């Protein structure tokens, strides 16, 4: 009884350290054999869960990278739009200034015409 339990304890210690690759040899039809089969099934389930978790993490990382890339593209687009708005504002200022100069010159022409 002690030797098979020692092997079970060693196996459980390895599983506790994260090693989900091992299995216990098949036991007999007694309680220790049943314990081995149950532990093997449990470790197989944990290994499947770990694989599923790694896959989900990988998918999540890929989605996060796509979101980050999209956000960077949107930020670049916003910067381009801001630059275009600044250019438009500068153009409006120039037009306003030109309009003021034209108004001033028109006033001068009118004053000259009245004087003439």
PDB file of N, CA and C in Angstrom:
ATOM      1  N   UNK A   1       0.833  -1.192   0.000  1.00  0.00           N
ATOM      2  CA  UNK A   1       0.000   0.000   0.000  1.00  0.00           C
ATOM      3  C   UNK A   1       0.875   1.253   0.000  1.00  0.00           C
ATOM      4  N   UNK A   2       2.000   1.223   0.708  1.00  0.00           N
ATOM      5  CA  UNK A   2       2.813   2.426   0.861  1.00  0.00           C
ATOM      6  C   UNK A   2       3.478   2.817  -0.455  1.00  0.00           C
ATOM      7  N   UNK A   3       4.045   1.867  -1.186  1.00  0.00           N
ATOM      8  CA  UNK A   3       4.721   2.208  -2.448  1.00  0.00           C
ATOM      9  C   UNK A   3       3.771   2.815  -3.477  1.00  0.00           C
ATOM     10  N   UNK A   4       2.621   2.213  -3.742  1.00  0.00           N
ATOM     11  CA  UNK A   4       1.700   2.841  -4.697  1.00  0.00           C
ATOM     12  C   UNK A   4       1.247   4.226  -4.232  1.00  0.00           C
ATOM     13  N   UNK A   5       1.024   4.400  -2.930  1.00  0.00           N
ATOM     14  CA  UNK A   5       0.639   5.712  -2.426  1.00  0.00           C
ATOM     15  C   UNK A   5       1.789   6.701  -2.580  1.00  0.00           C
ATOM     16  N   UNK A   6       3.010   6.238  -2.427  1.00  0.00           N
ATOM     17  CA  UNK A   6       4.180   7.101  -2.634  1.00  0.00           C
ATOM     18  C   UNK A   6       4.243   7.593  -4.076  1.00  0.00           C
ATOM     19  N   UNK A   7       3.962   6.694  -5.038  1.00  0.00           N
ATOM     20  CA  UNK A   7       3.943   7.093  -6.457  1.00  0.00           C
ATOM     21  C   UNK A   7       2.810   8.086  -6.719  1.00  0.00           C
ATOM     22  N   UNK A   8       1.665   7.856  -6.088  1.00  0.00           N
ATOM     23  CA  UNK A   8       0.529   8.774  -6.244  1.00  0.00           C
ATOM     24  C   UNK A   8       0.904  10.138  -5.679  1.00  0.00           C
ATOM     25  N   UNK A   9       1.538  10.167  -4.512  1.00  0.00           N
ATOM     26  CA  UNK A   9       1.931  11.437  -3.899  1.00  0.00           C
ATOM     27  C   UNK A   9       2.962  12.166  -4.769  1.00  0.00           C
ATOM     28  N   UNK A  10       3.921  11.460  -5.341  1.00  0.00           N
ATOM     29  CA  UNK A  10       4.910  12.080  -6.232  1.00  0.00           C
ATOM     30  C   UNK A  10       4.215  12.675  -7.450  1.00  0.00           C
ATOM     31  N   UNK A  11       3.275  11.915  -8.013  1.00  0.00           N
ATOM     32  CA  UNK A  11       2.509  12.397  -9.164  1.00  0.00           C
ATOM     33  C   UNK A  11       1.726  13.654  -8.799  1.00  0.00           C
ATOM     34  N   UNK A  12       1.065  13.648  -7.647  1.00  0.00           N
ATOM     35  CA  UNK A  12       0.269  14.798  -7.207  1.00  0.00           C
ATOM     36  C   UNK A  12       1.179  16.007  -6.983  1.00  0.00           C
ATOM     37  N   UNK A  13       2.373  15.799  -6.450  1.00  0.00           N
ATOM     38  CA  UNK A  13       3.321  16.902  -6.256  1.00  0.00           C
ATOM     39  C   UNK A  13       3.720  17.514  -7.600  1.00  0.00           C
ATOM     40  N   UNK A  14       3.965  16.671  -8.599  1.00  0.00           N
ATOM     41  CA  UNK A  14       4.312  17.179  -9.939  1.00  0.00           C
ATOM     42  C   UNK A  14       3.154  17.974 -10.531  1.00  0.00           C
ATOM     43  N   UNK A  15       1.954  17.469 -10.344  1.00  0.00           N
ATOM     44  CA  UNK A  15       0.778  18.201 -10.837  1.00  0.00           C
ATOM     45  C   UNK A  15       0.668  19.537 -10.106  1.00  0.00           C
ATOM     46  N   UNK A  16       0.908  19.534  -8.814  1.00  0.00           N
ATOM     47  CA  UNK A  16       0.862  20.766  -8.035  1.00  0.00           C
ATOM     48  C   UNK A  16       1.888  21.783  -8.501  1.00  0.00           C
ATOM     49  N   UNK A  17       3.004  21.327  -9.069  1.00  0.00           N
ATOM     50  CA  UNK A  17       4.042  22.210  -9.602  1.00  0.00           C
ATOM     51  C   UNK A  17       3.735  22.643 -11.030  1.00  0.00           C
ATOM     52  N   UNK A  18       2.635  22.158 -11.597  1.00  0.00           N
ATOM     53  CA  UNK A  18       2.233  22.594 -12.932  1.00  0.00           C
ATOM     54  C   UNK A  18       2.511  21.593 -14.040  1.00  0.00           C
ATOM     55  N   UNK A  19       3.059  20.442 -13.718  1.00  0.00           N
ATOM     56  CA  UNK A  19       3.346  19.430 -14.743  1.00  0.00           C
ATOM     57  C   UNK A  19       2.087  18.605 -15.002  1.00  0.00           C
ATOM     58  N   UNK A  20       1.447  18.896 -16.137  1.00  0.00           N
ATOM     59  CA  UNK A  20       0.220  18.177 -16.495  1.00  0.00           C
ATOM     60  C   UNK A  20       0.470  17.147 -17.591  1.00  0.00           C
ATOM     61  N   UNK A  21       1.722  16.769 -17.784  1.00  0.00           N
ATOM     62  CA  UNK A  21       2.054  15.848 -18.876  1.00  0.00           C
ATOM     63  C   UNK A  21       2.115  14.400 -18.423  1.00  0.00           C
ATOM     64  N   UNK A  22       2.281  14.161 -17.153  1.00  0.00           N
ATOM     65  CA  UNK A  22       2.450  12.791 -16.680  1.00  0.00           C
ATOM     66  C   UNK A  22       1.127  12.081 -16.449  1.00  0.00           C
ATOM     67  N   UNK A  23       1.233  10.770 -16.305  1.00  0.00           N
ATOM     68  CA  UNK A  23       0.069   9.961 -15.940  1.00  0.00           C
ATOM     69  C   UNK A  23       0.545   8.881 -14.974  1.00  0.00           C
ATOM     70  N   UNK A  24      -0.367   8.398 -14.203  1.00  0.00           N
ATOM     71  CA  UNK A  24      -0.080   7.282 -13.312  1.00  0.00           C
ATOM     72  C   UNK A  24      -0.335   5.984 -14.069  1.00  0.00           C
ATOM     73  N   UNK A  25       0.494   4.998 -13.835  1.00  0.00           N
ATOM     74  CA  UNK A  25       0.251   3.693 -14.454  1.00  0.00           C
ATOM     75  C   UNK A  25      -1.064   3.112 -13.963  1.00  0.00           C
ATOM     76  N   UNK A  26      -1.637   2.287 -14.785  1.00  0.00           N
ATOM     77  CA  UNK A  26      -2.920   1.681 -14.407  1.00  0.00           C
ATOM     78  C   UNK A  26      -2.727   0.819 -13.163  1.00  0.00           C
ATOM     79  N   UNK A  27      -3.626   0.961 -12.262  1.00  0.00           N
ATOM     80  CA  UNK A  27      -3.601   0.150 -11.053  1.00  0.00           C
ATOM     81  C   UNK A  27      -4.574  -1.004 -11.187  1.00  0.00           C
ATOM     82  N   UNK A  28      -4.750  -1.640 -10.122  1.00  0.00           N
ATOM     83  CA  UNK A  28      -5.685  -2.764 -10.133  1.00  0.00           C
ATOM     84  C   UNK A  28      -7.108  -2.282  -9.979  1.00  0.00           C
ATOM     85  N   UNK A  29      -7.928  -3.149  -9.470  1.00  0.00           N
ATOM     86  CA  UNK A  29      -9.347  -2.827  -9.274  1.00  0.00           C
ATOM     87  C   UNK A  29      -9.632  -2.466  -7.824  1.00  0.00           C
ATOM     88  N   UNK A  30      -8.577  -2.132  -7.091  1.00  0.00           N
ATOM     89  CA  UNK A  30      -8.765  -1.733  -5.701  1.00  0.00           C
ATOM     90  C   UNK A  30      -8.888  -0.211  -5.617  1.00  0.00           C
ATOM     91  N   UNK A  31      -8.899   0.301  -4.399  1.00  0.00           N
ATOM     92  CA  UNK A  31      -9.075   1.735  -4.186  1.00  0.00           C
ATOM     93  C   UNK A  31      -7.928   2.545  -4.782  1.00  0.00           C
ATOM     94  N   UNK A  32      -6.711   2.045  -4.690  1.00  0.00           N
ATOM     95  CA  UNK A  32      -5.559   2.778  -5.242  1.00  0.00           C
ATOM     96  C   UNK A  32      -5.650   2.823  -6.768  1.00  0.00           C
ATOM     97  N   UNK A  33      -6.074   1.763  -7.394  1.00  0.00           N
ATOM     98  CA  UNK A  33      -6.269   1.754  -8.842  1.00  0.00           C
ATOM     99  C   UNK A  33      -7.338   2.755  -9.251  1.00  0.00           C
ATOM    100  N   UNK A  34      -8.415   2.798  -8.487  1.00  0.00           N
ATOM    101  CA  UNK A  34      -9.478   3.763  -8.753  1.00  0.00           C
ATOM    102  C   UNK A  34      -8.973   5.192  -8.568  1.00  0.00           C
ATOM    103  N   UNK A  35      -8.161   5.408  -7.528  1.00  0.00           N
ATOM    104  CA  UNK A  35      -7.576   6.715  -7.276  1.00  0.00           C
ATOM    105  C   UNK A  35      -6.686   7.129  -8.444  1.00  0.00           C
ATOM    106  N   UNK A  36      -5.885   6.220  -8.968  1.00  0.00           N
ATOM    107  CA  UNK A  36      -5.015   6.522 -10.114  1.00  0.00           C
ATOM    108  C   UNK A  36      -5.829   6.908 -11.338  1.00  0.00           C
ATOM    109  N   UNK A  37      -6.868   6.137 -11.642  1.00  0.00           N
ATOM    110  CA  UNK A  37      -7.700   6.445 -12.805  1.00  0.00           C
ATOM    111  C   UNK A  37      -8.372   7.811 -12.643  1.00  0.00           C
ATOM    112  N   UNK A  38      -8.859   8.094 -11.450  1.00  0.00           N
ATOM    113  CA  UNK A  38      -9.516   9.375 -11.195  1.00  0.00           C
ATOM    114  C   UNK A  38      -8.533  10.534 -11.317  1.00  0.00           C
ATOM    115  N   UNK A  39      -7.323  10.362 -10.770  1.00  0.00           N
ATOM    116  CA  UNK A  39      -6.304  11.408 -10.886  1.00  0.00           C
ATOM    117  C   UNK A  39      -5.885  11.610 -12.338  1.00  0.00           C
ATOM    118  N   UNK A  40      -5.736  10.532 -13.099  1.00  0.00           N
ATOM    119  CA  UNK A  40      -5.400  10.653 -14.521  1.00  0.00           C
ATOM    120  C   UNK A  40      -6.475  11.431 -15.268  1.00  0.00           C
ATOM    121  N   UNK A  41      -7.740  11.144 -14.971  1.00  0.00           N
ATOM    122  CA  UNK A  41      -8.848  11.858 -15.626  1.00  0.00           C
ATOM    123  C   UNK A  41      -8.836  13.329 -15.220  1.00  0.00           C
ATOM    124  N   UNK A  42      -8.575  13.588 -13.937  1.00  0.00           N
ATOM    125  CA  UNK A  42      -8.536  14.966 -13.465  1.00  0.00           C
ATOM    126  C   UNK A  42      -7.407  15.738 -14.152  1.00  0.00           C
ATOM    127  N   UNK A  43      -6.231  15.144 -14.253  1.00  0.00           N
ATOM    128  CA  UNK A  43      -5.098  15.822 -14.884  1.00  0.00           C
ATOM    129  C   UNK A  43      -5.365  16.025 -16.371  1.00  0.00           C
ATOM    130  N   UNK A  44      -5.989  15.065 -17.027  1.00  0.00           N
ATOM    131  CA  UNK A  44      -6.340  15.233 -18.442  1.00  0.00           C
ATOM    132  C   UNK A  44      -7.304  16.410 -18.607  1.00  0.00           C
ATOM    133  N   UNK A  45      -8.277  16.522 -17.705  1.00  0.00           N
ATOM    134  CA  UNK A  45      -9.212  17.649 -17.749  1.00  0.00           C
ATOM    135  C   UNK A  45      -8.500  18.973 -17.502  1.00  0.00           C
ATOM    136  N   UNK A  46      -7.576  19.003 -16.559  1.00  0.00           N
ATOM    137  CA  UNK A  46      -6.815  20.223 -16.295  1.00  0.00           C
ATOM    138  C   UNK A  46      -5.951  20.603 -17.503  1.00  0.00           C
ATOM    139  N   UNK A  47      -5.362  19.607 -18.156  1.00  0.00           N
ATOM    140  CA  UNK A  47      -4.545  19.884 -19.344  1.00  0.00           C
ATOM    141  C   UNK A  47      -5.418  20.470 -20.457  1.00  0.00           C
ATOM    142  N   UNK A  48      -6.619  19.912 -20.645  1.00  0.00           N
ATOM    143  CA  UNK A  48      -7.537  20.463 -21.652  1.00  0.00           C
ATOM    144  C   UNK A  48      -7.924  21.899 -21.296  1.00  0.00           C
ATOM    145  N   UNK A  49      -8.192  22.137 -20.025  1.00  0.00           N
ATOM    146  CA  UNK A  49      -8.545  23.473 -19.570  1.00  0.00           C
ATOM    147  C   UNK A  49      -7.386  24.446 -19.803  1.00  0.00           C
ATOM    148  N   UNK A  50      -6.163  24.000 -19.543  1.00  0.00           N
ATOM    149  CA  UNK A  50      -4.991  24.857 -19.767  1.00  0.00           C
ATOM    150  C   UNK A  50      -4.838  25.173 -21.248  1.00  0.00           C
ATOM    151  N   UNK A  51      -5.045  24.178 -22.118  1.00  0.00           N
ATOM    152  CA  UNK A  51      -4.959  24.426 -23.568  1.00  0.00           C
ATOM    153  C   UNK A  51      -6.026  25.416 -24.012  1.00  0.00           C
ATOM    154  N   UNK A  52      -7.242  25.237 -23.506  1.00  0.00           N
ATOM    155  CA  UNK A  52      -8.331  26.156 -23.841  1.00  0.00           C
ATOM    156  C   UNK A  52      -8.005  27.570 -23.365  1.00  0.00           C
ATOM    157  N   UNK A  53      -7.440  27.660 -22.176  1.00  0.00           N
ATOM    158  CA  UNK A  53      -7.071  28.954 -21.619  1.00  0.00           C
ATOM    159  C   UNK A  53      -5.980  29.619 -22.462  1.00  0.00           C
ATOM    160  N   UNK A  54      -4.983  28.853 -22.891  1.00  0.00           N
ATOM    161  CA  UNK A  54      -3.927  29.411 -23.743  1.00  0.00           C
ATOM    162  C   UNK A  54      -4.498  29.895 -25.072  1.00  0.00           C
ATOM    163  N   UNK A  55      -5.411  29.134 -25.641  1.00  0.00           N
ATOM    164  CA  UNK A  55      -6.032  29.537 -26.902  1.00  0.00           C
ATOM    165  C   UNK A  55      -6.840  30.813 -26.729  1.00  0.00           C
ATOM    166  N   UNK A  56      -7.608  30.881 -25.651  1.00  0.00           N
ATOM    167  CA  UNK A  56      -8.418  32.079 -25.390  1.00  0.00           C
ATOM    168  C   UNK A  56      -7.513  33.284 -25.155  1.00  0.00           C
ATOM    169  N   UNK A  57      -6.420  33.093 -24.439  1.00  0.00           N
ATOM    170  CA  UNK A  57      -5.484  34.190 -24.188  1.00  0.00           C
ATOM    171  C   UNK A  57      -4.860  34.667 -25.489  1.00  0.00           C
ATOM    172  N   UNK A  58      -4.497  33.727 -26.344  1.00  0.00           N
ATOM    173  CA  UNK A  58      -3.919  34.081 -27.638  1.00  0.00           C
ATOM    174  C   UNK A  58      -4.917  34.867 -28.479  1.00  0.00           C
ATOM    175  N   UNK A  59      -6.171  34.413 -28.504  1.00  0.00           N
ATOM    176  CA  UNK A  59      -7.218  35.117 -29.249  1.00  0.00           C
ATOM    177  C   UNK A  59      -7.448  36.515 -28.681  1.00  0.00           C
ATOM    178  N   UNK A  60      -7.428  36.618 -27.357  1.00  0.00           N
ATOM    179  CA  UNK A  60      -7.621  37.906 -26.708  1.00  0.00           C
ATOM    180  C   UNK A  60      -6.475  38.854 -27.032  1.00  0.00           C
ATOM    181  N   UNK A  61      -5.257  38.337 -27.037  1.00  0.00           N
ATOM    182  CA  UNK A  61      -4.100  39.168 -27.398  1.00  0.00           C
ATOM    183  C   UNK A  61      -4.197  39.653 -28.838  1.00  0.00           C
ATOM    184  N   UNK A  62      -4.638  38.782 -29.734  1.00  0.00           N
ATOM    185  CA  UNK A  62      -4.796  39.175 -31.139  1.00  0.00           C
ATOM    186  C   UNK A  62      -5.864  40.261 -31.274  1.00  0.00           C
ATOM    187  N   UNK A  63      -6.971  40.101 -30.560  1.00  0.00           N
ATOM    188  CA  UNK A  63      -8.035  41.111 -30.611  1.00  0.00           C
ATOM    189  C   UNK A  63      -7.546  42.440 -30.043  1.00  0.00           C
ATOM    190  N   UNK A  64      -6.779  42.380 -28.964  1.00  0.00           N
ATOM    191  CA  UNK A  64      -6.240  43.611 -28.375  1.00  0.00           C
ATOM    192  C   UNK A  64      -5.285  44.303 -29.344  1.00  0.00           C
ATOM    193  N   UNK A  65      -4.488  43.522 -30.058  1.00  0.00           N
ATOM    194  CA  UNK A  65      -3.572  44.109 -31.042  1.00  0.00           C
ATOM    195  C   UNK A  65      -4.356  44.782 -32.168  1.00  0.00           C
ATOM    196  N   UNK A  66      -5.446  44.163 -32.606  1.00  0.00           N
ATOM    197  CA  UNK A  66      -6.281  44.762 -33.650  1.00  0.00           C
ATOM    198  C   UNK A  66      -6.921  46.063 -33.160  1.00  0.00           C
ATOM    199  N   UNK A  67      -7.389  46.057 -31.929  1.00  0.00           N
ATOM    200  CA  UNK A  67      -8.001  47.267 -31.367  1.00  0.00           C
ATOM    201  C   UNK A  67      -6.957  48.370 -31.260  1.00  0.00           C
ATOM    202  N   UNK A  68      -5.754  48.014 -30.818  1.00  0.00           N
ATOM    203  CA  UNK A  68      -4.683  49.000 -30.693  1.00  0.00           C
ATOM    204  C   UNK A  68      -4.338  49.585 -32.061  1.00  0.00           C
ATOM    205  N   UNK A  69      -4.242  48.737 -33.085  1.00  0.00           N
ATOM    206  CA  UNK A  69      -3.945  49.214 -34.438  1.00  0.00           C
ATOM    207  C   UNK A  69      -5.050  50.131 -34.945  1.00  0.00           C
ATOM    208  N   UNK A  70      -6.295  49.758 -34.679  1.00  0.00           N
ATOM    209  CA  UNK A  70      -7.424  50.591 -35.108  1.00  0.00           C
ATOM    210  C   UNK A  70      -7.399  51.938 -34.398  1.00  0.00           C
ATOM    211  N   UNK A  71      -7.087  51.941 -33.116  1.00  0.00           N
ATOM    212  CA  UNK A  71      -7.021  53.192 -32.365  1.00  0.00           C
ATOM    213  C   UNK A  71      -5.902  54.088 -32.900  1.00  0.00           C
ATOM    214  N   UNK A  72      -4.776  53.488 -33.264  1.00  0.00           N
ATOM    215  CA  UNK A  72      -3.677  54.274 -33.821  1.00  0.00           C
ATOM    216  C   UNK A  72      -4.069  54.869 -35.172  1.00  0.00           C
ATOM    217  N   UNK A  73      -4.780  54.091 -35.981  1.00  0.00           N
ATOM    218  CA  UNK A  73      -5.247  54.607 -37.276  1.00  0.00           C
ATOM    219  C   UNK A  73      -6.219  55.766 -37.066  1.00  0.00           C
ATOM    220  N   UNK A  74      -7.118  55.618 -36.109  1.00  0.00           N
ATOM    221  CA  UNK A  74      -8.073  56.683 -35.832  1.00  0.00           C
ATOM    222  C   UNK A  74      -7.363  57.929 -35.316  1.00  0.00           C
ATOM    223  N   UNK A  75      -6.343  57.732 -34.479  1.00  0.00           N
ATOM    224  CA  UNK A  75      -5.593  58.883 -33.968  1.00  0.00           C
ATOM    225  C   UNK A  75      -4.895  59.610 -35.112  1.00  0.00           C
ATOM    226  N   UNK A  76      -4.329  58.848 -36.042  1.00  0.00           N
ATOM    227  CA  UNK A  76      -3.670  59.468 -37.196  1.00  0.00           C
ATOM    228  C   UNK A  76      -4.687  60.228 -38.041  1.00  0.00           C
ATOM    229  N   UNK A  77      -5.874  59.655 -38.214  1.00  0.00           N
ATOM    230  CA  UNK A  77      -6.924  60.315 -38.983  1.00  0.00           C
ATOM    231  C   UNK A  77      -7.360  61.608 -38.306  1.00  0.00           C
ATOM    232  N   UNK A  78      -7.484  61.576 -36.983  1.00  0.00           N
ATOM    233  CA  UNK A  78      -7.876  62.778 -36.240  1.00  0.00           C
ATOM    234  C   UNK A  78      -6.808  63.859 -36.403  1.00  0.00           C
ATOM    235  N   UNK A  79      -5.542  63.459 -36.358  1.00  0.00           N
ATOM    236  CA  UNK A  79      -4.460  64.433 -36.543  1.00  0.00           C
ATOM    237  C   UNK A  79      -4.525  65.063 -37.933  1.00  0.00           C
ATOM    238  N   UNK A  80      -4.808  64.252 -38.946  1.00  0.00           N
ATOM    239  CA  UNK A  80      -4.930  64.775 -40.313  1.00  0.00           C
ATOM    240  C   UNK A  80      -6.105  65.753 -40.405  1.00  0.00           C
ATOM    241  N   UNK A  81      -7.219  65.380 -39.796  1.00  0.00           N
ATOM    242  CA  UNK A  81      -8.394  66.258 -39.821  1.00  0.00           C
ATOM    243  C   UNK A  81      -8.105  67.560 -39.081  1.00  0.00           C
ATOM    244  N   UNK A  82      -7.395  67.478 -37.962  1.00  0.00           N
ATOM    245  CA  UNK A  82      -7.053  68.681 -37.211  1.00  0.00           C
ATOM    246  C   UNK A  82      -6.165  69.594 -38.052  1.00  0.00           C
ATOM    247  N   UNK A  83      -5.200  68.999 -38.765  1.00  0.00           N
ATOM    248  CA  UNK A  83      -4.326  69.801 -39.632  1.00  0.00           C
ATOM    249  C   UNK A  83      -5.144  70.471 -40.734  1.00  0.00           C
ATOM    250  N   UNK A  84      -6.103  69.741 -41.303  1.00  0.00           N
ATOM    251  CA  UNK A  84      -6.952  70.311 -42.350  1.00  0.00           C
ATOM    252  C   UNK A  84      -7.799  71.459 -41.790  1.00  0.00           C
ATOM    253  N   UNK A  85      -8.307  71.298 -40.582  1.00  0.00           N
ATOM    254  CA  UNK A  85      -9.106  72.362 -39.960  1.00  0.00           C
ATOM    255  C   UNK A  85      -8.236  73.594 -39.713  1.00  0.00           C
ATOM    256  N   UNK A  86      -6.998  73.367 -39.267  1.00  0.00           N
ATOM    257  CA  UNK A  86      -6.096  74.503 -39.049  1.00  0.00           C
ATOM    258  C   UNK A  86      -5.808  75.231 -40.359  1.00  0.00           C
ATOM    259  N   UNK A  87      -5.586  74.481 -41.439  1.00  0.00           N
ATOM    260  CA  UNK A  87      -5.355  75.104 -42.743  1.00  0.00           C
ATOM    261  C   UNK A  87      -6.576  75.896 -43.186  1.00  0.00           C
ATOM    262  N   UNK A  88      -7.754  75.319 -42.977  1.00  0.00           N
ATOM    263  CA  UNK A  88      -8.988  76.017 -43.350  1.00  0.00           C
ATOM    264  C   UNK A  88      -9.139  77.301 -42.538  1.00  0.00           C
ATOM    265  N   UNK A  89      -8.846  77.241 -41.245  1.00  0.00           N
ATOM    266  CA  UNK A  89      -8.945  78.432 -40.396  1.00  0.00           C
ATOM    267  C   UNK A  89      -7.953  79.497 -40.856  1.00  0.00           C
ATOM    268  N   UNK A  90      -6.742  79.074 -41.231  1.00  0.00           N
ATOM    269  CA  UNK A  90      -5.745  80.036 -41.717  1.00  0.00           C
ATOM    270  C   UNK A  90      -6.218  80.671 -43.018  1.00  0.00           C
ATOM    271  N   UNK A  91      -6.825  79.883 -43.889  1.00  0.00           N
ATOM    272  CA  UNK A  91      -7.339  80.402 -45.153  1.00  0.00           C
ATOM    273  C   UNK A  91      -8.461  81.407 -44.896  1.00  0.00           C
ATOM    274  N   UNK A  92      -9.349  81.097 -43.964  1.00  0.00           N
ATOM    275  CA  UNK A  92     -10.438  82.019 -43.620  1.00  0.00           C
ATOM    276  C   UNK A  92      -9.863  83.322 -43.076  1.00  0.00           C
ATOM    277  N   UNK A  93      -8.835  83.219 -42.240  1.00  0.00           N
ATOM    278  CA  UNK A  93      -8.189  84.432 -41.716  1.00  0.00           C
ATOM    279  C   UNK A  93      -7.608  85.275 -42.849  1.00  0.00           C
ATOM    280  N   UNK A  94      -6.951  84.607 -43.797  1.00  0.00           N
ATOM    281  CA  UNK A  94      -6.384  85.331 -44.943  1.00  0.00           C
ATOM    282  C   UNK A  94      -7.483  86.009 -45.757  1.00  0.00           C
ATOM    283  N   UNK A  95      -8.580  85.284 -45.984  1.00  0.00           N
ATOM    284  CA  UNK A  95      -9.695  85.857 -46.750  1.00  0.00           C
ATOM    285  C   UNK A  95     -10.279  87.051 -46.003  1.00  0.00           C
ATOM    286  N   UNK A  96     -10.425  86.919 -44.692  1.00  0.00           N
ATOM    287  CA  UNK A  96     -10.953  88.020 -43.878  1.00  0.00           C
ATOM    288  C   UNK A  96     -10.027  89.224 -43.961  1.00  0.00           C
ATOM    289  N   UNK A  97      -8.721  88.979 -43.845  1.00  0.00           N
ATOM    290  CA  UNK A  97      -7.744  90.061 -43.938  1.00  0.00           C
ATOM    291  C   UNK A  97      -7.799  90.707 -45.327  1.00  0.00           C
ATOM    292  N   UNK A  98      -7.862  89.888 -46.366  1.00  0.00           N
ATOM    293  CA  UNK A  98      -7.956  90.416 -47.730  1.00  0.00           C
ATOM    294  C   UNK A  98      -9.226  91.235 -47.904  1.00  0.00           C
ATOM    295  N   UNK A  99     -10.330  90.732 -47.335  1.00  0.00           N
ATOM    296  CA  UNK A  99     -11.596  91.463 -47.414  1.00  0.00           C
ATOM    297  C   UNK A  99     -11.491  92.822 -46.738  1.00  0.00           C
ATOM    298  N   UNK A 100     -10.799  92.856 -45.604  1.00  0.00           N
ATOM    299  CA  UNK A 100     -10.618  94.128 -44.897  1.00  0.00           C
ATOM    300  C   UNK A 100      -9.778  95.086 -45.727  1.00  0.00           C
ATOM    301  N   UNK A 101      -8.740  94.558 -46.383  1.00  0.00           N
ATOM    302  CA  UNK A 101      -7.903  95.413 -47.242  1.00  0.00           C
ATOM    303  C   UNK A 101      -8.696  95.923 -48.437  1.00  0.00           C
ATOM    304  N   UNK A 102      -9.508  95.025 -49.006  1.00  0.00           N
ATOM    305  CA  UNK A 102     -10.334  95.439 -50.156  1.00  0.00           C
ATOM    306  C   UNK A 102     -11.314  96.526 -49.717  1.00  0.00           C
ATOM    307  N   UNK A 103     -11.931  96.361 -48.555  1.00  0.00           N
ATOM    308  CA  UNK A 103     -12.867  97.366 -48.039  1.00  0.00           C
ATOM    309  C   UNK A 103     -12.155  98.695 -47.830  1.00  0.00           C
ATOM    310  N   UNK A 104     -10.941  98.644 -47.278  1.00  0.00           N
ATOM    311  CA  UNK A 104     -10.171  99.860 -47.039  1.00  0.00           C
ATOM    312  C   UNK A 104      -9.844 100.550 -48.359  1.00  0.00           C
ATOM    313  N   UNK A 105      -9.385  99.755 -49.335  1.00  0.00           N
ATOM    314  CA  UNK A 105      -9.052 100.331 -50.641  1.00  0.00           C
ATOM    315  C   UNK A 105     -10.286 100.880 -51.339  1.00  0.00           C
ATOM    316  N   UNK A 106     -11.392 100.164 -51.188  1.00  0.00           N
ATOM    317  CA  UNK A 106     -12.627 100.663 -51.778  1.00  0.00           C
ATOM    318  C   UNK A 106     -13.005 101.996 -51.168  1.00  0.00           C
ATOM    319  N   UNK A 107     -12.833 102.100 -49.849  1.00  0.00           N
ATOM    320  CA  UNK A 107     -13.106 103.375 -49.184  1.00  0.00           C
ATOM    321  C   UNK A 107     -12.201 104.477 -49.701  1.00  0.00           C
ATOM    322  N   UNK A 108     -10.925 104.136 -49.923  1.00  0.00           N
ATOM    323  CA  UNK A 108      -9.989 105.122 -50.466  1.00  0.00           C
ATOM    324  C   UNK A 108     -10.399 105.548 -51.873  1.00  0.00           C
ATOM    325  N   UNK A 109     -10.804 104.573 -52.668  1.00  0.00           N
ATOM    326  CA  UNK A 109     -11.239 104.885 -54.048  1.00  0.00           C
ATOM    327  C   UNK A 109     -12.469 105.785 -54.002  1.00  0.00           C
ATOM    328  N   UNK A 110     -13.388 105.467 -53.123  1.00  0.00           N
ATOM    329  CA  UNK A 110     -14.608 106.299 -53.009  1.00  0.00           C
ATOM    330  C   UNK A 110     -14.225 107.698 -52.567  1.00  0.00           C
ATOM    331  N   UNK A 111     -13.300 107.805 -51.597  1.00  0.00           N
ATOM    332  CA  UNK A 111     -12.885 109.134 -51.116  1.00  0.00           C
ATOM    333  C   UNK A 111     -12.211 109.917 -52.246  1.00  0.00           C
ATOM    334  N   UNK A 112     -11.372 109.209 -53.022  1.00  0.00           N
ATOM    335  CA  UNK A 112     -10.698 109.863 -54.151  1.00  0.00           C
ATOM    336  C   UNK A 112     -11.717 110.301 -55.186  1.00  0.00           C
ATOM    337  N   UNK A 113     -12.713 109.441 -55.454  1.00  0.00           N
ATOM    338  CA  UNK A 113     -13.729 109.777 -56.439  1.00  0.00           C
ATOM    339  C   UNK A 113     -14.552 110.965 -55.971  1.00  0.00           C
ATOM    340  N   UNK A 114     -14.873 111.021 -54.707  1.00  0.00           N
ATOM    341  CA  UNK A 114     -15.650 112.148 -54.194  1.00  0.00           C
ATOM    342  C   UNK A 114     -14.832 113.429 -54.250  1.00  0.00           C
ATOM    343  N   UNK A 115     -13.539 113.275 -53.967  1.00  0.00           N
ATOM    344  CA  UNK A 115     -12.681 114.449 -54.011  1.00  0.00           C
ATOM    345  C   UNK A 115     -12.552 114.959 -55.453  1.00  0.00           C
ATOM    346  N   UNK A 116     -12.528 114.013 -56.398  1.00  0.00           N
ATOM    347  CA  UNK A 116     -12.402 114.399 -57.797  1.00  0.00           C
ATOM    348  C   UNK A 116     -13.689 115.060 -58.230  1.00  0.00           C
TER     349      UNK A 116
END
